[in-house]
């Protein structure tokens, strides 16, 4: 059977439409609770009858690096997208990595499109369009660009419904559908609105199955509560801490969660990059940060980019991950939480790295470790 090599892997040509779905923010608890509530009978069938594994996302566990990892089949060290933001060391400016010029690897959909396959991309958020659609000559749809409210469950529901419509109307050889995590930022697993949302997800996935598509469903990251029982945010405001330790301006904290959609998380996530000048004792600073309550781990640059598969030039002098109950900010005044109408839920750390992978065909795969960015490999090379 015809194959295509992309970023060091060879992918078989699809014998039927392959749809890879990224359910943004979907830790398995959401699916499990929806199944238990009877809201997701199709997802129940995948978990119990066909293929289900818990897999690892790329780090940091944010939207941009993981969506790009899924469509390239490789970690950020190879494709270059290490977060939503990074610090350009040459200019000293924070840079948003929404543009395809930051990509260092070809995407699997682009390679198949160039080889003559019918390819479609559907993304809920417009911020991903330029990254995911780069090099694709087929259908590229941004649901946000059609006027749907970005802070709504409807954004993701319409993305999935559009995916089902395209399978029926055009039978693409390859399609990638990416949703948003609005629901997961606002609602815990098992809450009524979360179960209702996964019921809508369930119906669209079942529709694509009925049309004969091979489905591989995964997530870019999980989601955890980052507030205490009273609703107070559990945060380490690291820029304030470093200013107190070293003096203002000696070190700079960059938060890679920052993007155009901050109203539901206030730019508070569980990863931070710290940059500093030659006068700072980096080893001592790493040790002090590791001693802070709420910090999972702080790792110096030389170890971090290797340990976490990050691009060296887009990785801070120190990479900091908060624990599962905590977020990292800069200073309280930098984070507008006035739009939060529910206790903060967020992601970005190692605690949000575990995500589900499901498929609607038997998968010939061993018990070795899997990542969410193995989704196309599973769908094209391992499905029977």
Protein backbone atom coordinates (compact mmCIF):
# COMPACT_ATOMS: atom_id res chain seq x y z
CA UNK A 1 0.00 0.00 0.00
CA UNK A 2 1.18 3.51 -0.83
CA UNK A 3 2.93 5.31 2.01
CA UNK A 4 4.12 8.81 2.79
CA UNK A 5 7.08 9.84 4.97
CA UNK A 6 6.53 12.84 7.27
CA UNK A 7 8.98 13.94 9.98
CA UNK A 8 10.69 10.58 10.17
CA UNK A 9 7.57 8.38 10.14
CA UNK A 10 5.98 6.59 7.22
CA UNK A 11 2.18 6.75 7.11
CA UNK A 12 0.01 4.43 5.04
CA UNK A 13 -2.36 5.99 2.57
CA UNK A 14 -5.86 5.92 4.08
CA UNK A 15 -8.16 3.20 2.73
CA UNK A 16 -11.19 5.05 4.13
CA UNK A 17 -11.63 8.57 5.54
CA UNK A 18 -9.54 9.11 8.68
CA UNK A 19 -10.76 11.72 11.16
CA UNK A 20 -8.47 12.69 14.04
CA UNK A 21 -10.33 14.69 16.70
CA UNK A 22 -8.68 16.77 19.42
CA UNK A 23 -11.16 17.37 22.25
CA UNK A 24 -9.54 20.39 23.85
CA UNK A 25 -9.14 20.12 27.62
CA UNK A 26 -10.63 16.64 27.83
CA UNK A 27 -9.15 14.68 30.67
CA UNK A 28 -10.71 11.21 30.70
CA UNK A 29 -12.79 12.09 33.76
CA UNK A 30 -15.12 14.15 31.54
CA UNK A 31 -15.78 11.23 29.23
CA UNK A 32 -16.04 8.75 32.10
CA UNK A 33 -18.60 10.85 34.00
CA UNK A 34 -20.64 11.49 30.84
CA UNK A 35 -20.69 7.75 30.16
CA UNK A 36 -21.78 7.04 33.74
CA UNK A 37 -24.60 9.58 33.37
CA UNK A 38 -25.83 7.86 30.20
CA UNK A 39 -25.04 10.92 28.08
CA UNK A 40 -22.39 9.33 25.84
CA UNK A 41 -23.39 5.87 24.59
CA UNK A 42 -21.10 6.00 21.56
CA UNK A 43 -18.06 6.93 23.64
CA UNK A 44 -19.01 4.09 25.99
CA UNK A 45 -18.77 1.68 23.05
CA UNK A 46 -15.30 2.93 22.15
CA UNK A 47 -14.02 2.62 25.73
CA UNK A 48 -15.48 -0.84 26.32
CA UNK A 49 -15.39 -2.50 22.90
CA UNK A 50 -12.79 -1.09 20.53
CA UNK A 51 -9.77 0.94 21.68
CA UNK A 52 -9.05 3.12 24.68
CA UNK A 53 -5.73 4.11 26.24
CA UNK A 54 -4.53 6.85 28.56
CA UNK A 55 -1.66 8.61 26.80
CA UNK A 56 0.68 11.52 27.43
CA UNK A 57 0.40 14.99 25.92
CA UNK A 58 3.38 17.14 25.00
CA UNK A 59 4.66 19.67 27.53
CA UNK A 60 3.76 22.31 28.36
CA UNK A 61 0.20 20.96 28.33
CA UNK A 62 -1.24 23.88 26.39
CA UNK A 63 -3.31 24.15 23.21
CA UNK A 64 -0.83 25.34 20.59
CA UNK A 65 2.11 23.00 21.25
CA UNK A 66 -0.17 19.98 21.50
CA UNK A 67 -2.34 20.64 18.46
CA UNK A 68 0.83 21.14 16.43
CA UNK A 69 2.35 18.00 17.95
CA UNK A 70 -0.72 15.99 16.93
CA UNK A 71 -0.69 17.22 13.32
CA UNK A 72 3.08 16.82 12.92
CA UNK A 73 3.47 13.55 14.84
CA UNK A 74 6.46 14.91 16.78
CA UNK A 75 7.12 16.81 20.06
CA UNK A 76 7.79 20.57 20.32
CA UNK A 77 11.56 20.03 20.14
CA UNK A 78 11.06 19.15 16.47
CA UNK A 79 8.16 21.36 15.39
CA UNK A 80 9.24 24.46 17.34
CA UNK A 81 5.97 25.52 19.01
CA UNK A 82 6.82 25.51 22.72
CA UNK A 83 3.77 27.39 23.97
CA UNK A 84 1.34 30.08 22.94
CA UNK A 85 4.04 32.69 23.76
CA UNK A 86 7.81 32.73 24.04
CA UNK A 87 10.45 35.39 24.69
CA UNK A 88 12.50 36.37 21.65
CA UNK A 89 15.93 36.73 23.23
CA UNK A 90 17.18 38.95 20.37
CA UNK A 91 14.42 41.56 20.69
CA UNK A 92 13.41 41.06 24.31
CA UNK A 93 9.76 40.89 23.20
CA UNK A 94 7.07 38.35 24.00
CA UNK A 95 6.05 36.68 20.72
CA UNK A 96 2.78 34.87 20.03
CA UNK A 97 3.36 31.69 18.04
CA UNK A 98 0.14 31.64 16.03
CA UNK A 99 1.82 32.09 12.67
CA UNK A 100 3.05 29.25 10.45
CA UNK A 101 6.42 31.01 10.11
CA UNK A 102 7.27 29.55 13.55
CA UNK A 103 6.74 25.96 12.37
CA UNK A 104 9.89 23.88 11.91
CA UNK A 105 8.18 20.69 10.71
CA UNK A 106 5.67 19.91 7.99
CA UNK A 107 2.24 18.81 9.15
CA UNK A 108 0.84 15.41 8.21
CA UNK A 109 -2.28 16.95 6.61
CA UNK A 110 -0.09 19.30 4.52
CA UNK A 111 2.10 16.43 3.33
CA UNK A 112 -0.92 14.35 2.32
CA UNK A 113 -2.52 17.37 0.67
CA UNK A 114 0.64 17.96 -1.37
CA UNK A 115 0.61 14.29 -2.38
CA UNK A 116 -2.93 14.61 -3.76
CA UNK A 117 -5.12 13.51 -0.86
CA UNK A 118 -8.42 15.21 -0.09
CA UNK A 119 -7.73 16.95 3.23
CA UNK A 120 -9.96 19.00 5.54
CA UNK A 121 -9.19 20.96 8.71
CA UNK A 122 -11.87 22.22 11.10
CA UNK A 123 -10.80 24.31 14.07
CA UNK A 124 -13.01 25.91 16.68
CA UNK A 125 -10.54 28.67 17.54
CA UNK A 126 -9.25 30.94 14.82
CA UNK A 127 -5.86 31.20 16.58
CA UNK A 128 -5.01 27.71 15.30
CA UNK A 129 -6.06 28.22 11.70
CA UNK A 130 -2.74 29.47 10.35
CA UNK A 131 -0.79 26.71 12.07
CA UNK A 132 -3.09 23.82 11.24
CA UNK A 133 -4.02 24.86 7.72
CA UNK A 134 -0.52 25.75 6.56
CA UNK A 135 0.25 23.91 3.32
CA UNK A 136 -3.22 22.37 3.07
CA UNK A 137 -4.97 23.02 -0.24
CA UNK A 138 -8.27 21.45 0.82
CA UNK A 139 -11.05 22.72 3.07
CA UNK A 140 -9.95 24.80 6.08
CA UNK A 141 -12.72 26.01 8.36
CA UNK A 142 -12.49 28.21 11.47
CA UNK A 143 -15.80 28.13 13.35
CA UNK A 144 -14.90 31.28 15.26
CA UNK A 145 -14.46 33.08 11.93
CA UNK A 146 -18.07 32.25 11.02
CA UNK A 147 -19.26 34.45 13.89
CA UNK A 148 -19.97 31.87 16.60
CA UNK A 149 -19.30 33.22 20.10
CA UNK A 150 -15.83 32.05 21.12
CA UNK A 151 -16.73 31.75 24.81
CA UNK A 152 -19.43 29.15 24.29
CA UNK A 153 -19.99 25.42 24.09
CA UNK A 154 -21.52 26.03 20.67
CA UNK A 155 -18.07 26.78 19.23
CA UNK A 156 -16.91 23.19 19.77
CA UNK A 157 -20.28 21.63 19.02
CA UNK A 158 -20.40 23.33 15.64
CA UNK A 159 -16.81 22.32 14.88
CA UNK A 160 -17.73 18.68 15.38
CA UNK A 161 -21.00 19.06 13.48
CA UNK A 162 -19.08 20.63 10.60
CA UNK A 163 -16.68 17.71 10.68
CA UNK A 164 -19.59 15.29 10.35
CA UNK A 165 -21.06 17.35 7.51
CA UNK A 166 -17.76 17.29 5.62
CA UNK A 167 -17.39 13.53 6.01
CA UNK A 168 -20.83 13.09 4.47
CA UNK A 169 -20.46 15.73 1.76
CA UNK A 170 -16.86 15.30 0.61
CA UNK A 171 -15.49 12.06 2.18
CA UNK A 172 -12.00 13.53 2.76
CA UNK A 173 -9.11 11.10 2.91
CA UNK A 174 -7.80 12.88 5.99
CA UNK A 175 -9.46 15.33 8.37
CA UNK A 176 -8.40 17.00 11.62
CA UNK A 177 -10.99 18.54 13.95
CA UNK A 178 -9.93 20.66 16.93
CA UNK A 179 -12.40 21.95 19.52
CA UNK A 180 -12.09 24.53 22.33
CA UNK A 181 -11.88 24.04 26.10
CA UNK A 182 -14.48 26.63 27.13
CA UNK A 183 -16.69 24.01 28.81
CA UNK A 184 -13.80 22.37 30.66
CA UNK A 185 -12.52 25.71 32.01
CA UNK A 186 -15.97 26.39 33.47
CA UNK A 187 -17.31 23.01 34.48
CA UNK A 188 -15.91 20.03 36.39
CA UNK A 189 -16.35 16.46 35.14
CA UNK A 190 -19.86 15.20 35.82
CA UNK A 191 -21.53 18.59 36.06
CA UNK A 192 -24.76 18.85 34.08
CA UNK A 193 -23.36 21.22 31.45
CA UNK A 194 -20.25 19.09 30.98
CA UNK A 195 -22.38 15.96 30.49
CA UNK A 196 -24.68 17.81 28.09
CA UNK A 197 -21.65 18.95 26.08
CA UNK A 198 -20.17 15.46 25.86
CA UNK A 199 -23.57 14.22 24.75
CA UNK A 200 -23.31 16.60 21.78
CA UNK A 201 -19.74 15.41 21.14
CA UNK A 202 -21.00 11.83 21.28
CA UNK A 203 -23.66 12.40 18.62
CA UNK A 204 -21.25 14.00 16.14
CA UNK A 205 -18.67 11.26 16.58
CA UNK A 206 -21.34 8.59 16.14
CA UNK A 207 -22.48 10.31 12.94
CA UNK A 208 -18.96 10.20 11.49
CA UNK A 209 -18.70 6.54 12.42
CA UNK A 210 -21.96 5.72 10.63
CA UNK A 211 -20.54 7.32 7.47
CA UNK A 212 -17.64 4.86 7.50
CA UNK A 213 -14.83 7.05 8.81
CA UNK A 214 -11.97 5.74 10.92
CA UNK A 215 -11.94 7.85 14.10
CA UNK A 216 -9.08 8.55 16.49
CA UNK A 217 -10.10 10.82 19.36
CA UNK A 218 -7.63 12.37 21.78
CA UNK A 219 -7.01 15.64 23.65
CA UNK A 220 -4.38 18.33 23.79
CA UNK A 221 -4.33 18.50 27.60
CA UNK A 222 -6.38 17.78 30.67
CA UNK A 223 -7.93 20.26 33.08
CA UNK A 224 -7.88 20.61 36.86
CA UNK A 225 -9.39 22.83 39.53
CA UNK A 226 -6.97 25.58 40.58
CA UNK A 227 -9.05 27.14 43.35
CA UNK A 228 -9.72 26.20 46.96
CA UNK A 229 -13.08 25.24 48.47
CA UNK A 230 -13.96 28.92 48.88
CA UNK A 231 -13.22 29.64 45.24
CA UNK A 232 -9.95 31.47 45.87
CA UNK A 233 -7.33 30.97 43.16
CA UNK A 234 -4.29 28.98 44.28
CA UNK A 235 -1.46 30.84 42.55
CA UNK A 236 2.25 31.49 42.85
CA UNK A 237 2.85 35.01 41.52
CA UNK A 238 6.39 34.27 40.48
CA UNK A 239 7.40 37.69 39.15
CA UNK A 240 6.61 39.23 42.53
CA UNK A 241 8.61 36.47 44.22
CA UNK A 242 11.65 36.93 41.97
CA UNK A 243 11.55 40.72 42.31
CA UNK A 244 11.59 40.32 46.08
CA UNK A 245 14.50 37.88 45.94
CA UNK A 246 16.66 39.47 43.24
CA UNK A 247 15.42 43.03 42.83
CA UNK A 248 13.18 44.38 40.05
CA UNK A 249 14.34 43.64 36.51
CA UNK A 250 16.85 40.91 37.40
CA UNK A 251 14.61 38.10 36.11
CA UNK A 252 11.58 37.96 33.87
CA UNK A 253 8.65 35.54 33.93
CA UNK A 254 6.90 34.67 30.65
CA UNK A 255 3.64 32.72 30.77
CA UNK A 256 3.22 30.52 27.70
CA UNK A 257 -0.54 30.08 28.28
CA UNK A 258 -1.16 33.70 27.25
CA UNK A 259 -3.17 33.96 24.03
CA UNK A 260 -6.11 35.99 22.66
CA UNK A 261 -8.58 34.01 24.80
CA UNK A 262 -7.76 34.83 28.44
CA UNK A 263 -11.20 35.62 29.87
CA UNK A 264 -11.79 32.06 31.08
CA UNK A 265 -8.38 31.59 32.71
CA UNK A 266 -6.96 35.08 33.26
CA UNK A 267 -3.63 34.01 31.69
CA UNK A 268 -3.04 31.73 34.68
CA UNK A 269 -1.68 28.29 33.80
CA UNK A 270 0.64 25.76 35.38
CA UNK A 271 3.81 26.52 33.41
CA UNK A 272 6.16 29.49 33.38
CA UNK A 273 9.45 30.30 31.70
CA UNK A 274 11.99 32.34 33.68
CA UNK A 275 14.68 34.40 31.93
CA UNK A 276 17.58 36.13 33.69
CA UNK A 277 20.90 37.85 33.07
CA UNK A 278 24.46 36.76 33.73
CA UNK A 279 24.49 38.29 37.21
CA UNK A 280 21.93 35.79 38.51
CA UNK A 281 23.07 32.49 40.06
CA UNK A 282 20.82 30.19 38.05
CA UNK A 283 21.47 27.03 40.10
CA UNK A 284 20.62 28.79 43.35
CA UNK A 285 17.49 30.28 41.79
CA UNK A 286 16.29 26.87 40.60
CA UNK A 287 16.73 25.53 44.13
CA UNK A 288 14.78 28.40 45.66
CA UNK A 289 11.90 28.09 43.19
CA UNK A 290 11.71 24.35 43.85
CA UNK A 291 11.23 25.18 47.51
CA UNK A 292 8.07 27.23 46.90
CA UNK A 293 4.74 25.76 47.98
CA UNK A 294 2.64 24.91 44.92
CA UNK A 295 5.59 24.26 42.61
CA UNK A 296 5.90 20.80 41.11
CA UNK A 297 9.36 21.25 39.59
CA UNK A 298 11.75 23.93 38.33
CA UNK A 299 14.41 22.74 35.88
CA UNK A 300 17.36 24.66 34.38
CA UNK A 301 17.44 25.24 30.63
CA UNK A 302 20.20 22.73 29.84
CA UNK A 303 18.17 19.91 31.38
CA UNK A 304 14.66 21.18 30.63
CA UNK A 305 14.71 21.21 26.84
CA UNK A 306 16.02 17.64 26.76
CA UNK A 307 13.82 16.32 29.56
CA UNK A 308 10.62 17.89 28.22
CA UNK A 309 11.33 17.69 24.44
CA UNK A 310 11.35 21.47 23.95
CA UNK A 311 13.12 23.62 21.33
CA UNK A 312 16.23 25.03 23.10
CA UNK A 313 15.96 28.54 21.65
CA UNK A 314 12.31 28.90 22.68
CA UNK A 315 12.77 27.59 26.21
CA UNK A 316 13.43 29.74 29.28
CA UNK A 317 16.54 29.75 31.43
CA UNK A 318 14.34 27.91 33.94
CA UNK A 319 11.17 25.96 33.13
CA UNK A 320 8.69 25.94 36.01
CA UNK A 321 5.67 23.66 36.40
CA UNK A 322 3.14 24.16 39.18
CA UNK A 323 1.48 21.21 40.86
CA UNK A 324 -1.99 19.94 40.02
CA UNK A 325 -3.80 22.37 42.30
CA UNK A 326 -1.83 25.53 41.50
CA UNK A 327 -1.19 28.04 38.73
CA UNK A 328 1.75 30.36 38.10
CA UNK A 329 1.26 34.07 37.44
CA UNK A 330 3.45 37.14 37.26
CA UNK A 331 1.86 39.72 39.59
CA UNK A 332 -1.77 39.81 40.77
CA UNK A 333 -2.35 43.12 38.95
CA UNK A 334 -1.37 41.49 35.63
CA UNK A 335 -4.22 38.98 35.77
CA UNK A 336 -7.77 40.18 35.23
CA UNK A 337 -10.02 37.61 36.87
CA UNK A 338 -13.14 39.77 36.79
CA UNK A 339 -14.67 37.74 33.95
CA UNK A 340 -14.45 34.46 35.86
CA UNK A 341 -17.94 33.36 36.84
CA UNK A 342 -16.78 29.99 38.20
CA UNK A 343 -13.78 28.84 40.27
CA UNK A 344 -10.62 28.76 38.18
CA UNK A 345 -9.85 25.60 36.22
CA UNK A 346 -6.68 25.54 34.15
CA UNK A 347 -3.79 23.45 32.78
CA UNK A 348 -0.21 23.56 31.53
CA UNK A 349 1.67 21.33 33.94
CA UNK A 350 2.56 17.69 34.25
CA UNK A 351 -0.65 17.04 36.20
CA UNK A 352 -2.66 17.82 33.06
CA UNK A 353 -0.48 15.72 30.76
CA UNK A 354 -2.54 12.52 30.87
CA UNK A 355 -5.26 12.44 28.19
CA UNK A 356 -7.42 9.75 26.58
CA UNK A 357 -7.03 8.20 23.15
CA UNK A 358 -9.95 6.31 21.65
CA UNK A 359 -10.55 4.73 18.25
CA UNK A 360 -13.51 3.12 16.51
CA UNK A 361 -11.47 0.31 14.94
CA UNK A 362 -9.38 -2.41 16.56
CA UNK A 363 -5.84 -1.14 16.99
CA UNK A 364 -2.86 -3.44 16.58
CA UNK A 365 -0.60 -1.73 19.09
CA UNK A 366 1.60 -3.07 21.85
CA UNK A 367 1.58 -1.93 25.45
CA UNK A 368 4.39 0.59 25.00
CA UNK A 369 3.93 4.28 25.83
CA UNK A 370 1.78 6.41 23.57
CA UNK A 371 1.47 10.19 23.15
CA UNK A 372 -1.42 12.17 21.76
CA UNK A 373 0.83 12.99 18.82
CA UNK A 374 0.77 9.32 17.83
CA UNK A 375 -2.87 9.78 16.75
CA UNK A 376 -2.26 9.79 12.98
CA UNK A 377 0.15 6.87 13.33
CA UNK A 378 -2.51 4.92 15.23
CA UNK A 379 -5.19 5.78 12.69
CA UNK A 380 -3.20 5.12 9.54
CA UNK A 381 -0.70 2.45 10.58
CA UNK A 382 -2.28 0.54 13.45
CA UNK A 383 -6.02 0.37 12.71
CA UNK A 384 -7.42 -2.86 11.26
